[in-house]
Amino acid sequence: MQHSFWKMLSVIKNGLMVKKKSVICYTKPICIRVLKVLYKEGFVSGFRILPNNPKKIEIYLKYSNGRPLIINVTSLSKPGKKMYVSNNTIWKLSSAMYTLILSTSKGVLSSNECRLKNIGGELLIVLR
């Protein structure tokens, strides 16, 4: 499960570095849930499952004035050492410069949604 998630993040980072409009990678359900959050937060233009190969997904990258909206993606929680954060910690960690994506009991959510719902969870990635 986690291998495809980190591979997807790597493909997105590499695509942004070479200024591609879209990238294609293999997908799992966790990848779809994270992409929905990235879309809702405005970091990607969209995504679609390829009709000729349902195991692959095309992700449309987003830029502002020729610069990628995602400057840095860091995954803090690893399979051997998961990092959990409470709602109080989310208030301290997240700012206007960072967006956190967490796996919670309510699904995969951004730090903004976690603050509104007053919940914490496993910290998956930090976006800048």
N, C-alpha and C. Protein backbone atom coordinates (compact mmCIF):
# COMPACT_ATOMS: atom_id res chain seq x y z
N MET A 1 0.82 -1.19 0.00
CA MET A 1 0.00 0.00 0.00
C MET A 1 0.87 1.25 0.00
N GLN A 2 1.79 1.37 0.93
CA GLN A 2 2.57 2.60 1.07
C GLN A 2 3.56 2.79 -0.06
N HIS A 3 4.07 1.69 -0.64
CA HIS A 3 5.06 1.82 -1.71
C HIS A 3 4.50 2.62 -2.88
N SER A 4 3.28 2.32 -3.29
CA SER A 4 2.68 3.04 -4.43
C SER A 4 2.39 4.49 -4.06
N PHE A 5 2.09 4.75 -2.80
CA PHE A 5 1.83 6.11 -2.35
C PHE A 5 3.08 6.98 -2.49
N TRP A 6 4.23 6.48 -2.02
CA TRP A 6 5.47 7.25 -2.13
C TRP A 6 5.95 7.33 -3.57
N LYS A 7 5.69 6.29 -4.34
CA LYS A 7 6.05 6.34 -5.75
C LYS A 7 5.24 7.41 -6.47
N MET A 8 3.96 7.55 -6.14
CA MET A 8 3.13 8.59 -6.74
C MET A 8 3.66 9.98 -6.39
N LEU A 9 4.04 10.19 -5.13
CA LEU A 9 4.61 11.48 -4.73
C LEU A 9 5.89 11.78 -5.48
N SER A 10 6.71 10.76 -5.69
CA SER A 10 7.96 10.93 -6.44
C SER A 10 7.68 11.30 -7.89
N VAL A 11 6.70 10.66 -8.50
CA VAL A 11 6.33 10.96 -9.89
C VAL A 11 5.82 12.40 -10.00
N ILE A 12 5.02 12.83 -9.03
CA ILE A 12 4.50 14.21 -9.04
C ILE A 12 5.65 15.20 -8.90
N LYS A 13 6.57 14.95 -7.96
CA LYS A 13 7.71 15.86 -7.77
C LYS A 13 8.56 15.95 -9.03
N ASN A 14 8.85 14.80 -9.65
CA ASN A 14 9.66 14.79 -10.86
C ASN A 14 8.95 15.50 -12.01
N GLY A 15 7.65 15.29 -12.14
CA GLY A 15 6.88 15.96 -13.19
C GLY A 15 6.87 17.47 -13.02
N LEU A 16 6.79 17.93 -11.78
CA LEU A 16 6.81 19.37 -11.52
C LEU A 16 8.17 19.97 -11.83
N MET A 17 9.24 19.22 -11.56
CA MET A 17 10.59 19.74 -11.81
C MET A 17 10.84 19.97 -13.29
N VAL A 18 10.28 19.11 -14.15
CA VAL A 18 10.48 19.26 -15.59
C VAL A 18 9.29 19.95 -16.27
N LYS A 19 8.39 20.51 -15.46
CA LYS A 19 7.25 21.31 -15.92
C LYS A 19 6.32 20.58 -16.89
N LYS A 20 6.01 19.32 -16.57
CA LYS A 20 5.05 18.56 -17.37
C LYS A 20 3.64 19.02 -17.04
N LYS A 21 2.74 18.88 -18.02
CA LYS A 21 1.33 19.22 -17.79
C LYS A 21 0.65 18.13 -16.98
N SER A 22 1.05 16.87 -17.24
CA SER A 22 0.45 15.75 -16.52
C SER A 22 1.47 14.63 -16.38
N VAL A 23 1.22 13.76 -15.41
CA VAL A 23 2.06 12.58 -15.20
C VAL A 23 1.14 11.37 -15.04
N ILE A 24 1.68 10.20 -15.33
CA ILE A 24 0.92 8.95 -15.23
C ILE A 24 1.66 8.03 -14.26
N CYS A 25 0.91 7.42 -13.35
CA CYS A 25 1.52 6.47 -12.41
C CYS A 25 0.48 5.42 -12.03
N TYR A 26 0.98 4.35 -11.40
CA TYR A 26 0.09 3.30 -10.90
C TYR A 26 -0.65 3.83 -9.68
N THR A 27 -1.81 3.29 -9.43
CA THR A 27 -2.64 3.83 -8.35
C THR A 27 -3.15 2.74 -7.42
N LYS A 28 -3.42 3.15 -6.21
CA LYS A 28 -4.06 2.34 -5.18
C LYS A 28 -5.12 3.24 -4.53
N PRO A 29 -6.01 2.69 -3.74
CA PRO A 29 -7.05 3.52 -3.11
C PRO A 29 -6.50 4.67 -2.27
N ILE A 30 -5.38 4.48 -1.56
CA ILE A 30 -4.80 5.56 -0.75
C ILE A 30 -4.36 6.71 -1.65
N CYS A 31 -3.86 6.39 -2.84
CA CYS A 31 -3.42 7.43 -3.78
C CYS A 31 -4.61 8.27 -4.23
N ILE A 32 -5.73 7.63 -4.51
CA ILE A 32 -6.93 8.35 -4.94
C ILE A 32 -7.40 9.29 -3.82
N ARG A 33 -7.40 8.79 -2.58
CA ARG A 33 -7.85 9.63 -1.46
C ARG A 33 -6.95 10.84 -1.27
N VAL A 34 -5.63 10.65 -1.40
CA VAL A 34 -4.70 11.78 -1.26
C VAL A 34 -4.89 12.75 -2.42
N LEU A 35 -5.09 12.24 -3.63
CA LEU A 35 -5.30 13.12 -4.79
C LEU A 35 -6.58 13.94 -4.65
N LYS A 36 -7.61 13.37 -4.05
CA LYS A 36 -8.84 14.13 -3.82
C LYS A 36 -8.57 15.32 -2.90
N VAL A 37 -7.74 15.11 -1.88
CA VAL A 37 -7.39 16.21 -0.97
C VAL A 37 -6.53 17.24 -1.70
N LEU A 38 -5.56 16.77 -2.49
CA LEU A 38 -4.71 17.69 -3.25
C LEU A 38 -5.54 18.53 -4.21
N TYR A 39 -6.54 17.93 -4.83
CA TYR A 39 -7.42 18.65 -5.75
C TYR A 39 -8.27 19.68 -4.99
N LYS A 40 -8.83 19.25 -3.87
CA LYS A 40 -9.68 20.14 -3.08
C LYS A 40 -8.90 21.33 -2.53
N GLU A 41 -7.63 21.11 -2.18
CA GLU A 41 -6.78 22.19 -1.66
C GLU A 41 -6.15 23.03 -2.77
N GLY A 42 -6.33 22.61 -4.03
CA GLY A 42 -5.85 23.41 -5.16
C GLY A 42 -4.42 23.16 -5.58
N PHE A 43 -3.85 22.01 -5.22
CA PHE A 43 -2.47 21.71 -5.60
C PHE A 43 -2.34 21.02 -6.95
N VAL A 44 -3.40 20.33 -7.40
CA VAL A 44 -3.41 19.71 -8.73
C VAL A 44 -4.67 20.16 -9.46
N SER A 45 -4.59 20.19 -10.79
CA SER A 45 -5.74 20.62 -11.60
C SER A 45 -6.81 19.54 -11.68
N GLY A 46 -6.42 18.30 -11.53
CA GLY A 46 -7.36 17.20 -11.61
C GLY A 46 -6.64 15.88 -11.81
N PHE A 47 -7.41 14.82 -11.92
CA PHE A 47 -6.85 13.50 -12.17
C PHE A 47 -7.94 12.62 -12.75
N ARG A 48 -7.51 11.58 -13.45
CA ARG A 48 -8.49 10.63 -14.01
C ARG A 48 -7.85 9.26 -14.11
N ILE A 49 -8.67 8.25 -13.91
CA ILE A 49 -8.22 6.88 -14.09
C ILE A 49 -8.26 6.60 -15.58
N LEU A 50 -7.18 6.05 -16.11
CA LEU A 50 -7.10 5.81 -17.54
C LEU A 50 -8.10 4.73 -17.96
N PRO A 51 -8.90 4.99 -19.00
CA PRO A 51 -9.92 4.02 -19.40
C PRO A 51 -9.35 2.71 -19.94
N ASN A 52 -8.19 2.77 -20.59
CA ASN A 52 -7.61 1.55 -21.15
C ASN A 52 -6.81 0.76 -20.13
N ASN A 53 -6.48 1.35 -18.97
CA ASN A 53 -5.76 0.66 -17.91
C ASN A 53 -6.22 1.22 -16.56
N PRO A 54 -7.20 0.57 -15.92
CA PRO A 54 -7.74 1.11 -14.67
C PRO A 54 -6.76 1.10 -13.49
N LYS A 55 -5.59 0.48 -13.66
CA LYS A 55 -4.60 0.49 -12.58
C LYS A 55 -3.69 1.72 -12.66
N LYS A 56 -3.85 2.53 -13.70
CA LYS A 56 -3.04 3.73 -13.86
C LYS A 56 -3.91 4.97 -13.77
N ILE A 57 -3.29 6.05 -13.32
CA ILE A 57 -4.00 7.31 -13.16
C ILE A 57 -3.18 8.44 -13.77
N GLU A 58 -3.87 9.37 -14.42
CA GLU A 58 -3.20 10.54 -14.97
C GLU A 58 -3.50 11.72 -14.05
N ILE A 59 -2.44 12.40 -13.61
CA ILE A 59 -2.56 13.52 -12.68
C ILE A 59 -2.19 14.79 -13.43
N TYR A 60 -3.08 15.78 -13.41
CA TYR A 60 -2.84 17.05 -14.08
C TYR A 60 -2.23 18.02 -13.08
N LEU A 61 -1.00 18.44 -13.36
CA LEU A 61 -0.25 19.28 -12.44
C LEU A 61 -0.66 20.75 -12.60
N LYS A 62 -0.46 21.52 -11.55
CA LYS A 62 -0.91 22.91 -11.54
C LYS A 62 0.27 23.84 -11.30
N TYR A 63 0.28 24.94 -12.05
CA TYR A 63 1.34 25.94 -11.95
C TYR A 63 0.72 27.32 -11.79
N SER A 64 1.49 28.23 -11.22
CA SER A 64 1.07 29.62 -11.10
C SER A 64 2.21 30.49 -11.63
N ASN A 65 1.95 31.21 -12.71
CA ASN A 65 2.99 32.02 -13.37
C ASN A 65 4.22 31.19 -13.74
N GLY A 66 3.99 29.98 -14.20
CA GLY A 66 5.08 29.11 -14.61
C GLY A 66 5.81 28.41 -13.48
N ARG A 67 5.41 28.66 -12.24
CA ARG A 67 6.04 28.02 -11.08
C ARG A 67 5.09 26.99 -10.49
N PRO A 68 5.60 25.82 -10.10
CA PRO A 68 4.71 24.80 -9.53
C PRO A 68 4.12 25.25 -8.20
N LEU A 69 2.88 24.87 -7.95
CA LEU A 69 2.24 25.19 -6.68
C LEU A 69 2.79 24.34 -5.55
N ILE A 70 3.26 23.14 -5.86
CA ILE A 70 3.90 22.29 -4.86
C ILE A 70 5.40 22.51 -4.98
N ILE A 71 5.97 23.17 -3.99
CA ILE A 71 7.41 23.44 -4.00
C ILE A 71 8.17 22.26 -3.41
N ASN A 72 7.63 21.70 -2.33
CA ASN A 72 8.31 20.62 -1.65
C ASN A 72 7.27 19.66 -1.07
N VAL A 73 7.52 18.37 -1.21
CA VAL A 73 6.67 17.34 -0.63
C VAL A 73 7.54 16.49 0.27
N THR A 74 7.17 16.39 1.53
CA THR A 74 7.92 15.59 2.48
C THR A 74 6.98 14.59 3.11
N SER A 75 7.36 13.33 3.11
CA SER A 75 6.56 12.31 3.80
C SER A 75 7.26 11.99 5.11
N LEU A 76 6.60 12.27 6.22
CA LEU A 76 7.20 12.10 7.54
C LEU A 76 6.91 10.74 8.15
N SER A 77 5.72 10.23 7.96
CA SER A 77 5.34 8.96 8.54
C SER A 77 5.83 7.83 7.63
N LYS A 78 6.62 6.95 8.18
CA LYS A 78 7.17 5.82 7.44
C LYS A 78 6.52 4.52 7.93
N PRO A 79 6.58 3.45 7.14
CA PRO A 79 5.97 2.19 7.60
C PRO A 79 6.55 1.70 8.93
N GLY A 80 7.84 1.89 9.16
CA GLY A 80 8.46 1.44 10.41
C GLY A 80 8.29 2.40 11.56
N LYS A 81 7.98 3.65 11.26
CA LYS A 81 7.84 4.67 12.31
C LYS A 81 6.74 5.65 11.91
N LYS A 82 5.54 5.32 12.31
CA LYS A 82 4.40 6.17 11.97
C LYS A 82 4.37 7.37 12.92
N MET A 83 4.00 8.53 12.37
CA MET A 83 3.94 9.75 13.16
C MET A 83 2.49 10.19 13.29
N TYR A 84 2.03 10.25 14.53
CA TYR A 84 0.66 10.67 14.81
C TYR A 84 0.68 12.06 15.45
N VAL A 85 -0.28 12.88 15.08
CA VAL A 85 -0.37 14.23 15.65
C VAL A 85 -1.79 14.48 16.14
N SER A 86 -1.87 15.23 17.24
CA SER A 86 -3.18 15.59 17.79
C SER A 86 -3.66 16.88 17.13
N ASN A 87 -4.89 17.23 17.41
CA ASN A 87 -5.45 18.46 16.85
C ASN A 87 -4.67 19.68 17.34
N ASN A 88 -4.24 19.67 18.60
CA ASN A 88 -3.46 20.80 19.14
C ASN A 88 -2.15 20.96 18.38
N THR A 89 -1.52 19.85 18.05
CA THR A 89 -0.25 19.90 17.31
C THR A 89 -0.48 20.41 15.89
N ILE A 90 -1.61 20.05 15.30
CA ILE A 90 -1.92 20.53 13.94
C ILE A 90 -2.01 22.04 13.93
N TRP A 91 -2.62 22.62 14.96
CA TRP A 91 -2.72 24.08 15.05
C TRP A 91 -1.33 24.71 15.09
N LYS A 92 -0.39 24.06 15.77
CA LYS A 92 0.97 24.60 15.89
C LYS A 92 1.78 24.40 14.61
N LEU A 93 1.61 23.24 13.96
CA LEU A 93 2.43 22.90 12.79
C LEU A 93 1.98 23.59 11.52
N SER A 94 0.70 23.62 11.28
CA SER A 94 0.22 24.14 10.00
C SER A 94 0.20 25.66 10.02
N SER A 95 0.55 26.22 8.90
CA SER A 95 0.54 27.67 8.75
C SER A 95 0.15 27.99 7.32
N ALA A 96 0.28 29.23 6.94
CA ALA A 96 -0.05 29.62 5.57
C ALA A 96 0.94 29.03 4.58
N MET A 97 2.14 28.70 5.04
CA MET A 97 3.17 28.18 4.13
C MET A 97 3.11 26.67 3.96
N TYR A 98 2.53 25.95 4.92
CA TYR A 98 2.51 24.49 4.88
C TYR A 98 1.09 23.97 4.88
N THR A 99 0.89 22.88 4.18
CA THR A 99 -0.36 22.14 4.25
C THR A 99 -0.02 20.71 4.63
N LEU A 100 -0.68 20.21 5.66
CA LEU A 100 -0.46 18.84 6.12
C LEU A 100 -1.58 17.97 5.56
N ILE A 101 -1.24 16.74 5.22
CA ILE A 101 -2.26 15.77 4.81
C ILE A 101 -2.16 14.61 5.78
N LEU A 102 -3.29 14.29 6.41
CA LEU A 102 -3.33 13.29 7.46
C LEU A 102 -4.32 12.18 7.13
N SER A 103 -4.03 11.00 7.63
CA SER A 103 -4.97 9.89 7.57
C SER A 103 -5.66 9.84 8.93
N THR A 104 -6.96 10.07 8.95
CA THR A 104 -7.71 10.16 10.20
C THR A 104 -8.80 9.10 10.24
N SER A 105 -9.53 9.09 11.34
CA SER A 105 -10.67 8.18 11.44
C SER A 105 -11.80 8.59 10.50
N LYS A 106 -11.76 9.82 10.01
CA LYS A 106 -12.77 10.33 9.06
C LYS A 106 -12.28 10.26 7.62
N GLY A 107 -11.14 9.61 7.38
CA GLY A 107 -10.58 9.50 6.04
C GLY A 107 -9.33 10.36 5.90
N VAL A 108 -8.83 10.51 4.69
CA VAL A 108 -7.66 11.34 4.42
C VAL A 108 -8.13 12.78 4.32
N LEU A 109 -7.55 13.65 5.18
CA LEU A 109 -7.98 15.04 5.25
C LEU A 109 -6.79 15.98 5.27
N SER A 110 -7.03 17.22 4.89
CA SER A 110 -6.00 18.26 5.00
C SER A 110 -6.00 18.81 6.42
N SER A 111 -4.96 19.56 6.75
CA SER A 111 -4.88 20.15 8.09
C SER A 111 -6.04 21.12 8.34
N ASN A 112 -6.48 21.82 7.31
CA ASN A 112 -7.61 22.74 7.47
C ASN A 112 -8.88 21.99 7.88
N GLU A 113 -9.14 20.86 7.22
CA GLU A 113 -10.33 20.07 7.54
C GLU A 113 -10.21 19.45 8.93
N CYS A 114 -9.00 19.02 9.31
CA CYS A 114 -8.79 18.44 10.64
C CYS A 114 -9.05 19.48 11.73
N ARG A 115 -8.63 20.71 11.50
CA ARG A 115 -8.88 21.76 12.49
C ARG A 115 -10.37 22.03 12.63
N LEU A 116 -11.09 22.04 11.51
CA LEU A 116 -12.54 22.27 11.56
C LEU A 116 -13.27 21.14 12.28
N LYS A 117 -12.81 19.90 12.06
CA LYS A 117 -13.47 18.74 12.67
C LYS A 117 -12.88 18.39 14.04
N ASN A 118 -11.82 19.11 14.44
CA ASN A 118 -11.19 18.93 15.74
C ASN A 118 -10.68 17.49 15.95
N ILE A 119 -9.96 16.97 14.93
CA ILE A 119 -9.41 15.62 15.02
C ILE A 119 -7.94 15.62 14.60
N GLY A 120 -7.22 14.60 15.02
CA GLY A 120 -5.83 14.39 14.62
C GLY A 120 -5.74 13.10 13.85
N GLY A 121 -4.51 12.66 13.57
CA GLY A 121 -4.33 11.41 12.85
C GLY A 121 -2.89 11.19 12.47
N GLU A 122 -2.67 10.23 11.57
CA GLU A 122 -1.33 9.91 11.10
C GLU A 122 -0.90 10.94 10.06
N LEU A 123 0.22 11.57 10.28
CA LEU A 123 0.73 12.59 9.37
C LEU A 123 1.35 11.90 8.16
N LEU A 124 0.72 12.05 6.99
CA LEU A 124 1.22 11.40 5.78
C LEU A 124 2.25 12.26 5.07
N ILE A 125 1.87 13.49 4.70
CA ILE A 125 2.81 14.35 3.97
C ILE A 125 2.66 15.81 4.39
N VAL A 126 3.74 16.55 4.18
CA VAL A 126 3.77 17.99 4.39
C VAL A 126 4.04 18.63 3.04
N LEU A 127 3.17 19.52 2.62
CA LEU A 127 3.30 20.21 1.33
C LEU A 127 3.68 21.66 1.57
N ARG A 128 4.56 22.14 0.71
CA ARG A 128 4.92 23.55 0.78
C ARG A 128 4.91 24.13 -0.60
